[in-house]
Amino acid sequence: MTVLVDAARWPAHGRLWAHLVSDSSLDELHAFARAQQLPERSFDRDHYDVPEEIIERLVAAGATPVDSHELVRRLIASGLRITARERRGR
């Protein structure tokens, strides 16, 4: 069981954002997020959106930094990935 974080590459609200996921369990992901005091509103179906400035703290707390392709590959392999089609409700 591993919590993963990718590099902040997605601009929004005047900052860059990254993704925080678990490669095995949403319960694990939520527990990690609670321990790091991430707001519940930052959860988006299969990941948390996290601002660039807290990535170092998340890694110090145990998140494993990976590139975006590895993050998505491991999220898909876990069975937790919500596809674009599922997001659109089709």
PDB file of N, CA and C in Angstrom:
ATOM      1  N   MET A   1       0.849  -1.184   0.000  1.00  0.00           N
ATOM      2  CA  MET A   1       0.000   0.000   0.000  1.00  0.00           C
ATOM      3  C   MET A   1       0.889   1.239   0.000  1.00  0.00           C
ATOM      4  N   THR A   2       0.635   2.093  -0.976  1.00  0.00           N
ATOM      5  CA  THR A   2       1.454   3.286  -1.126  1.00  0.00           C
ATOM      6  C   THR A   2       0.584   4.470  -1.508  1.00  0.00           C
ATOM      7  N   VAL A   3       0.861   5.599  -0.889  1.00  0.00           N
ATOM      8  CA  VAL A   3       0.256   6.855  -1.300  1.00  0.00           C
ATOM      9  C   VAL A   3       1.256   7.532  -2.228  1.00  0.00           C
ATOM     10  N   LEU A   4       0.773   7.982  -3.377  1.00  0.00           N
ATOM     11  CA  LEU A   4       1.625   8.554  -4.423  1.00  0.00           C
ATOM     12  C   LEU A   4       1.250  10.007  -4.675  1.00  0.00           C
ATOM     13  N   VAL A   5       2.237  10.816  -5.029  1.00  0.00           N
ATOM     14  CA  VAL A   5       1.984  12.208  -5.417  1.00  0.00           C
ATOM     15  C   VAL A   5       2.802  12.506  -6.667  1.00  0.00           C
ATOM     16  N   ASP A   6       2.175  13.172  -7.628  1.00  0.00           N
ATOM     17  CA  ASP A   6       2.908  13.537  -8.839  1.00  0.00           C
ATOM     18  C   ASP A   6       3.369  14.988  -8.753  1.00  0.00           C
ATOM     19  N   ALA A   7       4.057  15.451  -9.778  1.00  0.00           N
ATOM     20  CA  ALA A   7       4.541  16.825  -9.819  1.00  0.00           C
ATOM     21  C   ALA A   7       3.385  17.777 -10.106  1.00  0.00           C
ATOM     22  N   ALA A   8       3.474  18.959  -9.546  1.00  0.00           N
ATOM     23  CA  ALA A   8       2.446  19.979  -9.774  1.00  0.00           C
ATOM     24  C   ALA A   8       2.618  20.545 -11.182  1.00  0.00           C
ATOM     25  N   ARG A   9       1.617  20.278 -12.036  1.00  0.00           N
ATOM     26  CA  ARG A   9       1.681  20.719 -13.431  1.00  0.00           C
ATOM     27  C   ARG A   9       0.392  21.357 -13.910  1.00  0.00           C
ATOM     28  N   TRP A  10      -0.645  21.325 -13.099  1.00  0.00           N
ATOM     29  CA  TRP A  10      -1.961  21.773 -13.537  1.00  0.00           C
ATOM     30  C   TRP A  10      -2.300  23.114 -12.901  1.00  0.00           C
ATOM     31  N   PRO A  11      -2.382  24.175 -13.716  1.00  0.00           N
ATOM     32  CA  PRO A  11      -2.672  25.496 -13.165  1.00  0.00           C
ATOM     33  C   PRO A  11      -4.163  25.688 -12.878  1.00  0.00           C
ATOM     34  N   ALA A  12      -4.431  26.314 -11.742  1.00  0.00           N
ATOM     35  CA  ALA A  12      -5.794  26.709 -11.375  1.00  0.00           C
ATOM     36  C   ALA A  12      -5.711  27.620 -10.158  1.00  0.00           C
ATOM     37  N   HIS A  13      -6.547  28.606 -10.131  1.00  0.00           N
ATOM     38  CA  HIS A  13      -6.645  29.498  -8.972  1.00  0.00           C
ATOM     39  C   HIS A  13      -5.304  30.145  -8.615  1.00  0.00           C
ATOM     40  N   GLY A  14      -4.506  30.465  -9.619  1.00  0.00           N
ATOM     41  CA  GLY A  14      -3.263  31.174  -9.395  1.00  0.00           C
ATOM     42  C   GLY A  14      -2.116  30.356  -8.830  1.00  0.00           C
ATOM     43  N   ARG A  15      -2.218  29.033  -8.916  1.00  0.00           N
ATOM     44  CA  ARG A  15      -1.139  28.164  -8.419  1.00  0.00           C
ATOM     45  C   ARG A  15      -1.103  26.894  -9.243  1.00  0.00           C
ATOM     46  N   LEU A  16      -0.086  26.074  -9.008  1.00  0.00           N
ATOM     47  CA  LEU A  16       0.011  24.777  -9.679  1.00  0.00           C
ATOM     48  C   LEU A  16      -0.452  23.689  -8.730  1.00  0.00           C
ATOM     49  N   TRP A  17      -1.080  22.641  -9.304  1.00  0.00           N
ATOM     50  CA  TRP A  17      -1.672  21.562  -8.513  1.00  0.00           C
ATOM     51  C   TRP A  17      -1.115  20.212  -8.943  1.00  0.00           C
ATOM     52  N   ALA A  18      -1.081  19.291  -7.993  1.00  0.00           N
ATOM     53  CA  ALA A  18      -0.657  17.910  -8.203  1.00  0.00           C
ATOM     54  C   ALA A  18      -1.799  16.997  -7.771  1.00  0.00           C
ATOM     55  N   HIS A  19      -1.579  15.694  -7.922  1.00  0.00           N
ATOM     56  CA  HIS A  19      -2.567  14.688  -7.517  1.00  0.00           C
ATOM     57  C   HIS A  19      -1.977  13.776  -6.455  1.00  0.00           C
ATOM     58  N   LEU A  20      -2.793  13.423  -5.498  1.00  0.00           N
ATOM     59  CA  LEU A  20      -2.427  12.481  -4.439  1.00  0.00           C
ATOM     60  C   LEU A  20      -3.366  11.296  -4.549  1.00  0.00           C
ATOM     61  N   VAL A  21      -2.826  10.080  -4.685  1.00  0.00           N
ATOM     62  CA  VAL A  21      -3.640   8.870  -4.849  1.00  0.00           C
ATOM     63  C   VAL A  21      -3.084   7.748  -3.981  1.00  0.00           C
ATOM     64  N   SER A  22      -3.877   6.706  -3.830  1.00  0.00           N
ATOM     65  CA  SER A  22      -3.407   5.451  -3.239  1.00  0.00           C
ATOM     66  C   SER A  22      -3.374   4.406  -4.341  1.00  0.00           C
ATOM     67  N   ASP A  23      -2.409   3.507  -4.254  1.00  0.00           N
ATOM     68  CA  ASP A  23      -2.365   2.429  -5.247  1.00  0.00           C
ATOM     69  C   ASP A  23      -3.104   1.188  -4.773  1.00  0.00           C
ATOM     70  N   SER A  24      -3.889   1.328  -3.663  1.00  0.00           N
ATOM     71  CA  SER A  24      -4.601   0.144  -3.191  1.00  0.00           C
ATOM     72  C   SER A  24      -5.937   0.399  -2.506  1.00  0.00           C
ATOM     73  N   SER A  25      -6.141   1.578  -1.908  1.00  0.00           N
ATOM     74  CA  SER A  25      -7.322   1.730  -1.071  1.00  0.00           C
ATOM     75  C   SER A  25      -7.714   3.193  -0.896  1.00  0.00           C
ATOM     76  N   LEU A  26      -8.980   3.497  -1.119  1.00  0.00           N
ATOM     77  CA  LEU A  26      -9.459   4.845  -0.833  1.00  0.00           C
ATOM     78  C   LEU A  26      -9.443   5.115   0.667  1.00  0.00           C
ATOM     79  N   ASP A  27      -9.657   4.090   1.483  1.00  0.00           N
ATOM     80  CA  ASP A  27      -9.578   4.274   2.936  1.00  0.00           C
ATOM     81  C   ASP A  27      -8.190   4.750   3.341  1.00  0.00           C
ATOM     82  N   GLU A  28      -7.159   4.124   2.755  1.00  0.00           N
ATOM     83  CA  GLU A  28      -5.778   4.536   3.026  1.00  0.00           C
ATOM     84  C   GLU A  28      -5.560   5.984   2.581  1.00  0.00           C
ATOM     85  N   LEU A  29      -6.051   6.320   1.414  1.00  0.00           N
ATOM     86  CA  LEU A  29      -5.891   7.668   0.887  1.00  0.00           C
ATOM     87  C   LEU A  29      -6.571   8.689   1.796  1.00  0.00           C
ATOM     88  N   HIS A  30      -7.801   8.416   2.197  1.00  0.00           N
ATOM     89  CA  HIS A  30      -8.528   9.348   3.069  1.00  0.00           C
ATOM     90  C   HIS A  30      -7.844   9.484   4.424  1.00  0.00           C
ATOM     91  N   ALA A  31      -7.341   8.387   4.972  1.00  0.00           N
ATOM     92  CA  ALA A  31      -6.648   8.446   6.263  1.00  0.00           C
ATOM     93  C   ALA A  31      -5.397   9.319   6.160  1.00  0.00           C
ATOM     94  N   PHE A  32      -4.639   9.148   5.078  1.00  0.00           N
ATOM     95  CA  PHE A  32      -3.444   9.953   4.876  1.00  0.00           C
ATOM     96  C   PHE A  32      -3.829  11.426   4.730  1.00  0.00           C
ATOM     97  N   ALA A  33      -4.856  11.691   3.944  1.00  0.00           N
ATOM     98  CA  ALA A  33      -5.303  13.066   3.724  1.00  0.00           C
ATOM     99  C   ALA A  33      -5.768  13.716   5.035  1.00  0.00           C
ATOM    100  N   ARG A  34      -6.511  12.970   5.846  1.00  0.00           N
ATOM    101  CA  ARG A  34      -6.951  13.506   7.141  1.00  0.00           C
ATOM    102  C   ARG A  34      -5.749  13.824   8.025  1.00  0.00           C
ATOM    103  N   ALA A  35      -4.779  12.918   8.055  1.00  0.00           N
ATOM    104  CA  ALA A  35      -3.586  13.124   8.876  1.00  0.00           C
ATOM    105  C   ALA A  35      -2.804  14.360   8.428  1.00  0.00           C
ATOM    106  N   GLN A  36      -2.897  14.676   7.149  1.00  0.00           N
ATOM    107  CA  GLN A  36      -2.203  15.846   6.600  1.00  0.00           C
ATOM    108  C   GLN A  36      -3.107  17.077   6.539  1.00  0.00           C
ATOM    109  N   GLN A  37      -4.292  16.960   7.109  1.00  0.00           N
ATOM    110  CA  GLN A  37      -5.262  18.051   7.209  1.00  0.00           C
ATOM    111  C   GLN A  37      -5.640  18.635   5.838  1.00  0.00           C
ATOM    112  N   LEU A  38      -5.768  17.737   4.852  1.00  0.00           N
ATOM    113  CA  LEU A  38      -6.257  18.175   3.548  1.00  0.00           C
ATOM    114  C   LEU A  38      -7.770  18.357   3.630  1.00  0.00           C
ATOM    115  N   PRO A  39      -8.293  19.402   3.047  1.00  0.00           N
ATOM    116  CA  PRO A  39      -9.743  19.602   3.099  1.00  0.00           C
ATOM    117  C   PRO A  39     -10.475  18.531   2.279  1.00  0.00           C
ATOM    118  N   GLU A  40     -11.617  18.096   2.792  1.00  0.00           N
ATOM    119  CA  GLU A  40     -12.412  17.088   2.086  1.00  0.00           C
ATOM    120  C   GLU A  40     -12.783  17.545   0.685  1.00  0.00           C
ATOM    121  N   ARG A  41     -12.968  18.837   0.503  1.00  0.00           N
ATOM    122  CA  ARG A  41     -13.368  19.365  -0.813  1.00  0.00           C
ATOM    123  C   ARG A  41     -12.284  19.164  -1.872  1.00  0.00           C
ATOM    124  N   SER A  42     -11.056  18.830  -1.460  1.00  0.00           N
ATOM    125  CA  SER A  42      -9.992  18.620  -2.443  1.00  0.00           C
ATOM    126  C   SER A  42     -10.012  17.200  -3.019  1.00  0.00           C
ATOM    127  N   PHE A  43     -10.918  16.338  -2.516  1.00  0.00           N
ATOM    128  CA  PHE A  43     -11.051  14.982  -3.057  1.00  0.00           C
ATOM    129  C   PHE A  43     -11.921  15.022  -4.312  1.00  0.00           C
ATOM    130  N   ASP A  44     -11.436  14.365  -5.371  1.00  0.00           N
ATOM    131  CA  ASP A  44     -12.156  14.338  -6.650  1.00  0.00           C
ATOM    132  C   ASP A  44     -12.271  12.899  -7.154  1.00  0.00           C
ATOM    133  N   ARG A  45     -13.146  12.126  -6.533  1.00  0.00           N
ATOM    134  CA  ARG A  45     -13.545  10.775  -6.935  1.00  0.00           C
ATOM    135  C   ARG A  45     -12.480   9.694  -6.792  1.00  0.00           C
ATOM    136  N   ASP A  46     -11.238   9.942  -7.216  1.00  0.00           N
ATOM    137  CA  ASP A  46     -10.191   8.921  -7.065  1.00  0.00           C
ATOM    138  C   ASP A  46      -8.854   9.521  -6.648  1.00  0.00           C
ATOM    139  N   HIS A  47      -8.838  10.834  -6.406  1.00  0.00           N
ATOM    140  CA  HIS A  47      -7.598  11.510  -6.024  1.00  0.00           C
ATOM    141  C   HIS A  47      -7.898  12.790  -5.253  1.00  0.00           C
ATOM    142  N   TYR A  48      -6.878  13.295  -4.601  1.00  0.00           N
ATOM    143  CA  TYR A  48      -6.935  14.623  -3.999  1.00  0.00           C
ATOM    144  C   TYR A  48      -6.123  15.562  -4.875  1.00  0.00           C
ATOM    145  N   ASP A  49      -6.641  16.751  -5.097  1.00  0.00           N
ATOM    146  CA  ASP A  49      -5.880  17.817  -5.735  1.00  0.00           C
ATOM    147  C   ASP A  49      -5.122  18.535  -4.625  1.00  0.00           C
ATOM    148  N   VAL A  50      -3.803  18.647  -4.797  1.00  0.00           N
ATOM    149  CA  VAL A  50      -2.979  19.270  -3.756  1.00  0.00           C
ATOM    150  C   VAL A  50      -2.111  20.367  -4.370  1.00  0.00           C
ATOM    151  N   PRO A  51      -1.974  21.501  -3.672  1.00  0.00           N
ATOM    152  CA  PRO A  51      -1.167  22.591  -4.209  1.00  0.00           C
ATOM    153  C   PRO A  51       0.327  22.279  -4.119  1.00  0.00           C
ATOM    154  N   GLU A  52       1.046  22.839  -5.051  1.00  0.00           N
ATOM    155  CA  GLU A  52       2.485  22.603  -5.159  1.00  0.00           C
ATOM    156  C   GLU A  52       3.221  22.823  -3.839  1.00  0.00           C
ATOM    157  N   GLU A  53       2.822  23.834  -3.093  1.00  0.00           N
ATOM    158  CA  GLU A  53       3.585  24.204  -1.903  1.00  0.00           C
ATOM    159  C   GLU A  53       3.515  23.179  -0.763  1.00  0.00           C
ATOM    160  N   ILE A  54       2.636  22.191  -0.835  1.00  0.00           N
ATOM    161  CA  ILE A  54       2.610  21.189   0.245  1.00  0.00           C
ATOM    162  C   ILE A  54       3.187  19.834  -0.171  1.00  0.00           C
ATOM    163  N   ILE A  55       3.648  19.711  -1.400  1.00  0.00           N
ATOM    164  CA  ILE A  55       4.170  18.418  -1.860  1.00  0.00           C
ATOM    165  C   ILE A  55       5.328  17.944  -0.990  1.00  0.00           C
ATOM    166  N   GLU A  56       6.243  18.820  -0.668  1.00  0.00           N
ATOM    167  CA  GLU A  56       7.390  18.434   0.161  1.00  0.00           C
ATOM    168  C   GLU A  56       6.926  17.874   1.516  1.00  0.00           C
ATOM    169  N   ARG A  57       5.919  18.503   2.112  1.00  0.00           N
ATOM    170  CA  ARG A  57       5.374  18.027   3.389  1.00  0.00           C
ATOM    171  C   ARG A  57       4.725  16.656   3.228  1.00  0.00           C
ATOM    172  N   LEU A  58       4.006  16.434   2.128  1.00  0.00           N
ATOM    173  CA  LEU A  58       3.365  15.143   1.889  1.00  0.00           C
ATOM    174  C   LEU A  58       4.412  14.037   1.725  1.00  0.00           C
ATOM    175  N   VAL A  59       5.486  14.343   1.020  1.00  0.00           N
ATOM    176  CA  VAL A  59       6.566  13.372   0.849  1.00  0.00           C
ATOM    177  C   VAL A  59       7.229  13.078   2.197  1.00  0.00           C
ATOM    178  N   ALA A  60       7.465  14.102   3.000  1.00  0.00           N
ATOM    179  CA  ALA A  60       8.056  13.899   4.331  1.00  0.00           C
ATOM    180  C   ALA A  60       7.157  13.027   5.208  1.00  0.00           C
ATOM    181  N   ALA A  61       5.841  13.096   4.965  1.00  0.00           N
ATOM    182  CA  ALA A  61       4.881  12.297   5.739  1.00  0.00           C
ATOM    183  C   ALA A  61       4.725  10.881   5.196  1.00  0.00           C
ATOM    184  N   GLY A  62       5.371  10.574   4.060  1.00  0.00           N
ATOM    185  CA  GLY A  62       5.328   9.210   3.553  1.00  0.00           C
ATOM    186  C   GLY A  62       4.819   9.015   2.144  1.00  0.00           C
ATOM    187  N   ALA A  63       4.331  10.069   1.486  1.00  0.00           N
ATOM    188  CA  ALA A  63       3.894   9.921   0.093  1.00  0.00           C
ATOM    189  C   ALA A  63       5.118   9.695  -0.797  1.00  0.00           C
ATOM    190  N   THR A  64       4.951   8.867  -1.805  1.00  0.00           N
ATOM    191  CA  THR A  64       6.031   8.567  -2.744  1.00  0.00           C
ATOM    192  C   THR A  64       5.873   9.443  -3.984  1.00  0.00           C
ATOM    193  N   PRO A  65       6.896  10.246  -4.300  1.00  0.00           N
ATOM    194  CA  PRO A  65       6.799  11.053  -5.515  1.00  0.00           C
ATOM    195  C   PRO A  65       7.001  10.197  -6.767  1.00  0.00           C
ATOM    196  N   VAL A  66       6.125  10.367  -7.739  1.00  0.00           N
ATOM    197  CA  VAL A  66       6.210   9.652  -9.018  1.00  0.00           C
ATOM    198  C   VAL A  66       5.828  10.617 -10.123  1.00  0.00           C
ATOM    199  N   ASP A  67       6.183  10.281 -11.362  1.00  0.00           N
ATOM    200  CA  ASP A  67       5.727  11.132 -12.459  1.00  0.00           C
ATOM    201  C   ASP A  67       4.258  10.833 -12.746  1.00  0.00           C
ATOM    202  N   SER A  68       3.639  11.689 -13.512  1.00  0.00           N
ATOM    203  CA  SER A  68       2.198  11.579 -13.774  1.00  0.00           C
ATOM    204  C   SER A  68       1.812  10.278 -14.459  1.00  0.00           C
ATOM    205  N   HIS A  69       2.656   9.814 -15.368  1.00  0.00           N
ATOM    206  CA  HIS A  69       2.349   8.563 -16.073  1.00  0.00           C
ATOM    207  C   HIS A  69       2.351   7.377 -15.106  1.00  0.00           C
ATOM    208  N   GLU A  70       3.320   7.346 -14.209  1.00  0.00           N
ATOM    209  CA  GLU A  70       3.384   6.264 -13.213  1.00  0.00           C
ATOM    210  C   GLU A  70       2.193   6.339 -12.269  1.00  0.00           C
ATOM    211  N   LEU A  71       1.813   7.536 -11.863  1.00  0.00           N
ATOM    212  CA  LEU A  71       0.670   7.701 -10.971  1.00  0.00           C
ATOM    213  C   LEU A  71      -0.592   7.133 -11.616  1.00  0.00           C
ATOM    214  N   VAL A  72      -0.846   7.489 -12.869  1.00  0.00           N
ATOM    215  CA  VAL A  72      -2.038   7.000 -13.562  1.00  0.00           C
ATOM    216  C   VAL A  72      -1.952   5.489 -13.776  1.00  0.00           C
ATOM    217  N   ARG A  73      -0.794   4.989 -14.166  1.00  0.00           N
ATOM    218  CA  ARG A  73      -0.623   3.549 -14.371  1.00  0.00           C
ATOM    219  C   ARG A  73      -0.957   2.777 -13.097  1.00  0.00           C
ATOM    220  N   ARG A  74      -0.462   3.247 -11.964  1.00  0.00           N
ATOM    221  CA  ARG A  74      -0.704   2.544 -10.704  1.00  0.00           C
ATOM    222  C   ARG A  74      -2.143   2.712 -10.226  1.00  0.00           C
ATOM    223  N   LEU A  75      -2.739   3.848 -10.507  1.00  0.00           N
ATOM    224  CA  LEU A  75      -4.139   4.052 -10.146  1.00  0.00           C
ATOM    225  C   LEU A  75      -5.034   3.127 -10.961  1.00  0.00           C
ATOM    226  N   ILE A  76      -4.764   2.994 -12.248  1.00  0.00           N
ATOM    227  CA  ILE A  76      -5.529   2.067 -13.091  1.00  0.00           C
ATOM    228  C   ILE A  76      -5.347   0.634 -12.597  1.00  0.00           C
ATOM    229  N   ALA A  77      -4.109   0.231 -12.327  1.00  0.00           N
ATOM    230  CA  ALA A  77      -3.821  -1.132 -11.860  1.00  0.00           C
ATOM    231  C   ALA A  77      -4.525  -1.438 -10.543  1.00  0.00           C
ATOM    232  N   SER A  78      -4.745  -0.427  -9.716  1.00  0.00           N
ATOM    233  CA  SER A  78      -5.400  -0.635  -8.421  1.00  0.00           C
ATOM    234  C   SER A  78      -6.897  -0.893  -8.565  1.00  0.00           C
ATOM    235  N   GLY A  79      -7.459  -0.504  -9.723  1.00  0.00           N
ATOM    236  CA  GLY A  79      -8.903  -0.613  -9.920  1.00  0.00           C
ATOM    237  C   GLY A  79      -9.667   0.579  -9.360  1.00  0.00           C
ATOM    238  N   LEU A  80      -8.970   1.576  -8.856  1.00  0.00           N
ATOM    239  CA  LEU A  80      -9.610   2.744  -8.252  1.00  0.00           C
ATOM    240  C   LEU A  80      -9.836   3.891  -9.233  1.00  0.00           C
ATOM    241  N   ARG A  81      -9.256   3.818 -10.411  1.00  0.00           N
ATOM    242  CA  ARG A  81      -9.327   4.908 -11.383  1.00  0.00           C
ATOM    243  C   ARG A  81     -10.760   5.130 -11.850  1.00  0.00           C
ATOM    244  N   ILE A  82     -11.178   6.384 -11.835  1.00  0.00           N
ATOM    245  CA  ILE A  82     -12.462   6.787 -12.402  1.00  0.00           C
ATOM    246  C   ILE A  82     -12.153   7.345 -13.790  1.00  0.00           C
ATOM    247  N   THR A  83     -12.709   6.737 -14.820  1.00  0.00           N
ATOM    248  CA  THR A  83     -12.410   7.154 -16.192  1.00  0.00           C
ATOM    249  C   THR A  83     -13.133   8.448 -16.546  1.00  0.00           C
ATOM    250  N   ALA A  84     -12.685   9.094 -17.614  1.00  0.00           N
ATOM    251  CA  ALA A  84     -13.336  10.311 -18.100  1.00  0.00           C
ATOM    252  C   ALA A  84     -14.797  10.025 -18.430  1.00  0.00           C
ATOM    253  N   ARG A  85     -15.073   8.877 -19.019  1.00  0.00           N
ATOM    254  CA  ARG A  85     -16.457   8.503 -19.349  1.00  0.00           C
ATOM    255  C   ARG A  85     -17.301   8.402 -18.070  1.00  0.00           C
ATOM    256  N   GLU A  86     -16.754   7.796 -17.023  1.00  0.00           N
ATOM    257  CA  GLU A  86     -17.478   7.687 -15.757  1.00  0.00           C
ATOM    258  C   GLU A  86     -17.698   9.067 -15.130  1.00  0.00           C
ATOM    259  N   ARG A  87     -16.726   9.952 -15.281  1.00  0.00           N
ATOM    260  CA  ARG A  87     -16.859  11.312 -14.758  1.00  0.00           C
ATOM    261  C   ARG A  87     -18.001  12.053 -15.448  1.00  0.00           C
ATOM    262  N   ARG A  88     -18.178  11.784 -16.747  1.00  0.00           N
ATOM    263  CA  ARG A  88     -19.251  12.435 -17.505  1.00  0.00           C
ATOM    264  C   ARG A  88     -20.595  11.771 -17.259  1.00  0.00           C
ATOM    265  N   GLY A  89     -20.609  10.623 -16.599  1.00  0.00           N
ATOM    266  CA  GLY A  89     -21.866   9.949 -16.291  1.00  0.00           C
ATOM    267  C   GLY A  89     -22.412   9.083 -17.406  1.00  0.00           C
ATOM    268  N   ARG A  90     -21.550   8.618 -18.295  1.00  0.00           N
ATOM    269  CA  ARG A  90     -22.007   7.772 -19.419  1.00  0.00           C
ATOM    270  C   ARG A  90     -21.665   6.348 -19.194  1.00  0.00           C
TER     271      ARG A  90
END
